[in-house]
């Protein structure tokens, strides 16, 4: 089974896993190599496993993040 982030990135195939020694948002409770993740915090506040469980899925913030990098994340969440 893939190691997905809260927003649907497959952490095992992400280039930052090696480049930045990133362990993913779930392992670090939203704190990743570039800072604190707003999508992780949103899910934590709603006490849900990932963005795919949200009533607003896919929300504007998720769409914006997906359009800039890792567009497959929304499809990954649909499969979960």
N, C-alpha and C. Protein backbone atom coordinates (compact mmCIF):
# COMPACT_ATOMS: atom_id res chain seq x y z
N UNK A 1 0.85 -1.19 0.00
CA UNK A 1 0.00 0.00 0.00
C UNK A 1 0.89 1.24 0.00
N UNK A 2 0.47 2.23 -0.73
CA UNK A 2 1.24 3.48 -0.84
C UNK A 2 1.22 4.26 0.47
N UNK A 3 2.21 5.09 0.62
CA UNK A 3 2.35 5.95 1.79
C UNK A 3 1.87 7.35 1.39
N UNK A 4 0.57 7.62 1.55
CA UNK A 4 0.00 8.88 1.11
C UNK A 4 0.01 9.94 2.21
N UNK A 5 0.25 11.18 1.76
CA UNK A 5 0.13 12.32 2.66
C UNK A 5 -1.35 12.65 2.84
N UNK A 6 -1.63 13.59 3.71
CA UNK A 6 -2.99 14.05 3.97
C UNK A 6 -3.66 14.56 2.68
N UNK A 7 -2.86 15.17 1.80
CA UNK A 7 -3.41 15.76 0.57
C UNK A 7 -3.28 14.86 -0.63
N UNK A 8 -2.83 13.61 -0.45
CA UNK A 8 -2.83 12.64 -1.53
C UNK A 8 -1.53 12.43 -2.27
N UNK A 9 -0.46 13.07 -1.85
CA UNK A 9 0.84 12.82 -2.48
C UNK A 9 1.33 11.44 -2.05
N UNK A 10 1.86 10.68 -3.00
CA UNK A 10 2.47 9.39 -2.69
C UNK A 10 3.89 9.69 -2.20
N UNK A 11 4.06 9.70 -0.90
CA UNK A 11 5.33 10.08 -0.29
C UNK A 11 6.48 9.17 -0.71
N UNK A 12 6.18 7.91 -0.99
CA UNK A 12 7.24 6.98 -1.37
C UNK A 12 7.83 7.30 -2.74
N UNK A 13 7.07 7.99 -3.59
CA UNK A 13 7.60 8.34 -4.91
C UNK A 13 7.92 9.83 -5.04
N UNK A 14 7.80 10.57 -3.97
CA UNK A 14 8.07 12.01 -3.99
C UNK A 14 9.58 12.27 -4.00
N UNK A 15 10.01 13.19 -4.85
CA UNK A 15 11.44 13.50 -4.96
C UNK A 15 12.01 14.07 -3.66
N UNK A 16 11.17 14.69 -2.85
CA UNK A 16 11.65 15.31 -1.62
C UNK A 16 11.94 14.32 -0.51
N UNK A 17 11.45 13.10 -0.65
CA UNK A 17 11.75 12.06 0.34
C UNK A 17 13.26 11.88 0.44
N UNK A 18 13.91 11.79 -0.71
CA UNK A 18 15.37 11.63 -0.75
C UNK A 18 16.09 12.97 -0.65
N UNK A 19 15.69 13.93 -1.48
CA UNK A 19 16.38 15.22 -1.56
C UNK A 19 16.41 15.97 -0.23
N UNK A 20 15.29 15.96 0.48
CA UNK A 20 15.18 16.74 1.72
C UNK A 20 15.05 15.87 2.96
N UNK A 21 15.19 14.56 2.78
CA UNK A 21 15.00 13.62 3.88
C UNK A 21 13.63 13.83 4.54
N UNK A 22 12.62 14.05 3.69
CA UNK A 22 11.26 14.29 4.17
C UNK A 22 10.60 12.97 4.54
N UNK A 23 10.02 12.91 5.70
CA UNK A 23 9.33 11.71 6.15
C UNK A 23 7.81 11.80 5.92
N UNK A 24 7.37 12.95 5.41
CA UNK A 24 5.95 13.14 5.12
C UNK A 24 5.23 13.83 6.26
N UNK A 25 4.09 14.40 5.95
CA UNK A 25 3.34 15.19 6.92
C UNK A 25 2.78 14.34 8.07
N UNK A 26 2.38 13.11 7.76
CA UNK A 26 1.77 12.30 8.81
C UNK A 26 2.79 11.90 9.87
N UNK A 27 4.00 11.60 9.46
CA UNK A 27 5.04 11.20 10.41
C UNK A 27 5.45 12.37 11.31
N UNK A 28 5.35 13.59 10.78
CA UNK A 28 5.79 14.77 11.53
C UNK A 28 4.65 15.69 11.95
N UNK A 29 3.43 15.18 11.94
CA UNK A 29 2.25 15.94 12.37
C UNK A 29 2.16 17.31 11.72
N UNK A 30 2.31 17.32 10.39
CA UNK A 30 2.13 18.55 9.63
C UNK A 30 3.36 19.39 9.43
N UNK A 31 4.45 19.04 10.08
CA UNK A 31 5.69 19.81 9.92
C UNK A 31 6.57 19.06 8.94
N UNK A 32 6.75 19.67 7.77
CA UNK A 32 7.57 19.06 6.73
C UNK A 32 8.79 19.93 6.46
N UNK A 33 9.63 19.53 5.54
CA UNK A 33 10.90 20.21 5.33
C UNK A 33 10.77 21.69 4.97
N UNK A 34 9.65 22.10 4.40
CA UNK A 34 9.48 23.50 4.01
C UNK A 34 8.69 24.32 5.03
N UNK A 35 8.18 23.71 6.07
CA UNK A 35 7.42 24.44 7.09
C UNK A 35 6.22 23.65 7.56
N UNK A 36 5.19 24.37 8.03
CA UNK A 36 3.98 23.72 8.52
C UNK A 36 2.91 23.71 7.43
N UNK A 37 2.28 22.57 7.23
CA UNK A 37 1.32 22.39 6.14
C UNK A 37 -0.09 22.81 6.56
N UNK A 38 -0.65 23.76 5.80
CA UNK A 38 -2.01 24.24 6.06
C UNK A 38 -3.05 23.15 5.81
N UNK A 39 -2.83 22.32 4.81
CA UNK A 39 -3.78 21.24 4.53
C UNK A 39 -3.79 20.22 5.66
N UNK A 40 -2.63 19.92 6.21
CA UNK A 40 -2.56 19.00 7.34
C UNK A 40 -3.34 19.58 8.52
N UNK A 41 -3.12 20.86 8.82
CA UNK A 41 -3.78 21.51 9.94
C UNK A 41 -5.30 21.53 9.76
N UNK A 42 -5.75 21.76 8.54
CA UNK A 42 -7.18 21.77 8.24
C UNK A 42 -7.79 20.40 8.56
N UNK A 43 -7.12 19.34 8.13
CA UNK A 43 -7.61 17.98 8.40
C UNK A 43 -7.56 17.65 9.88
N UNK A 44 -6.54 18.09 10.57
CA UNK A 44 -6.41 17.83 12.01
C UNK A 44 -7.56 18.51 12.76
N UNK A 45 -7.89 19.74 12.38
CA UNK A 45 -9.00 20.46 13.03
C UNK A 45 -10.33 19.74 12.81
N UNK A 46 -10.49 19.14 11.65
CA UNK A 46 -11.73 18.44 11.32
C UNK A 46 -11.71 16.99 11.79
N UNK A 47 -10.58 16.58 12.35
CA UNK A 47 -10.41 15.20 12.85
C UNK A 47 -10.74 14.16 11.77
N UNK A 48 -10.17 14.40 10.58
CA UNK A 48 -10.37 13.46 9.48
C UNK A 48 -9.02 12.93 9.00
N UNK A 49 -9.04 11.75 8.40
CA UNK A 49 -7.82 11.06 7.99
C UNK A 49 -7.08 11.76 6.85
N UNK A 50 -7.80 12.34 5.92
CA UNK A 50 -7.19 13.00 4.77
C UNK A 50 -8.23 13.86 4.05
N UNK A 51 -7.78 14.65 3.09
CA UNK A 51 -8.66 15.57 2.37
C UNK A 51 -9.81 14.86 1.66
N UNK A 52 -9.62 13.63 1.26
CA UNK A 52 -10.66 12.89 0.57
C UNK A 52 -11.88 12.62 1.44
N UNK A 53 -11.75 12.76 2.74
CA UNK A 53 -12.87 12.55 3.67
C UNK A 53 -13.67 13.82 3.93
N UNK A 54 -13.22 14.93 3.38
CA UNK A 54 -13.83 16.23 3.66
C UNK A 54 -15.11 16.46 2.84
N UNK A 55 -16.09 17.08 3.47
CA UNK A 55 -17.34 17.40 2.79
C UNK A 55 -17.12 18.40 1.65
N UNK A 56 -16.06 19.19 1.70
CA UNK A 56 -15.75 20.17 0.64
C UNK A 56 -14.77 19.63 -0.40
N UNK A 57 -14.47 18.35 -0.37
CA UNK A 57 -13.50 17.76 -1.30
C UNK A 57 -13.98 17.83 -2.73
N UNK A 58 -13.13 18.27 -3.64
CA UNK A 58 -11.84 18.91 -3.42
C UNK A 58 -12.03 20.42 -3.23
N UNK A 59 -11.52 20.93 -2.16
CA UNK A 59 -11.69 22.36 -1.84
C UNK A 59 -10.74 23.22 -2.68
N UNK A 60 -10.92 24.51 -2.59
CA UNK A 60 -10.09 25.45 -3.34
C UNK A 60 -8.62 25.36 -2.99
N UNK A 61 -8.32 25.21 -1.70
CA UNK A 61 -6.92 25.13 -1.29
C UNK A 61 -6.26 23.88 -1.87
N UNK A 62 -6.93 22.74 -1.82
CA UNK A 62 -6.39 21.51 -2.38
C UNK A 62 -6.20 21.64 -3.89
N UNK A 63 -7.18 22.21 -4.58
CA UNK A 63 -7.08 22.39 -6.03
C UNK A 63 -5.90 23.29 -6.39
N UNK A 64 -5.70 24.35 -5.61
CA UNK A 64 -4.59 25.27 -5.85
C UNK A 64 -3.25 24.55 -5.69
N UNK A 65 -3.11 23.78 -4.62
CA UNK A 65 -1.87 23.05 -4.37
C UNK A 65 -1.65 22.01 -5.46
N UNK A 66 -2.70 21.32 -5.88
CA UNK A 66 -2.58 20.27 -6.89
C UNK A 66 -2.23 20.86 -8.26
N UNK A 67 -2.70 22.06 -8.54
CA UNK A 67 -2.41 22.65 -9.85
C UNK A 67 -0.96 23.08 -9.98
N UNK A 68 -0.31 23.37 -8.87
CA UNK A 68 1.08 23.82 -8.92
C UNK A 68 2.07 22.67 -8.90
N UNK A 69 1.73 21.59 -8.21
CA UNK A 69 2.64 20.45 -8.10
C UNK A 69 1.83 19.22 -7.68
N UNK A 70 2.21 18.08 -8.17
CA UNK A 70 1.56 16.80 -7.85
C UNK A 70 0.06 16.80 -8.15
N UNK A 71 -0.33 17.05 -9.41
CA UNK A 71 -1.76 17.08 -9.74
C UNK A 71 -2.46 15.74 -9.51
N UNK A 72 -1.71 14.65 -9.45
CA UNK A 72 -2.32 13.34 -9.25
C UNK A 72 -2.88 13.15 -7.84
N UNK A 73 -2.57 14.06 -6.94
CA UNK A 73 -3.00 13.90 -5.55
C UNK A 73 -4.52 13.80 -5.41
N UNK A 74 -5.27 14.55 -6.19
CA UNK A 74 -6.74 14.51 -6.09
C UNK A 74 -7.25 13.14 -6.54
N UNK A 75 -6.69 12.61 -7.61
CA UNK A 75 -7.08 11.26 -8.06
C UNK A 75 -6.71 10.22 -7.01
N UNK A 76 -5.55 10.37 -6.39
CA UNK A 76 -5.14 9.44 -5.32
C UNK A 76 -6.15 9.44 -4.19
N UNK A 77 -6.63 10.61 -3.80
CA UNK A 77 -7.60 10.73 -2.70
C UNK A 77 -8.94 10.11 -3.08
N UNK A 78 -9.32 10.24 -4.33
CA UNK A 78 -10.58 9.63 -4.77
C UNK A 78 -10.53 8.12 -4.62
N UNK A 79 -9.36 7.54 -4.82
CA UNK A 79 -9.18 6.08 -4.70
C UNK A 79 -9.21 5.61 -3.24
N UNK A 80 -8.84 6.51 -2.33
CA UNK A 80 -8.83 6.14 -0.92
C UNK A 80 -10.26 6.10 -0.39
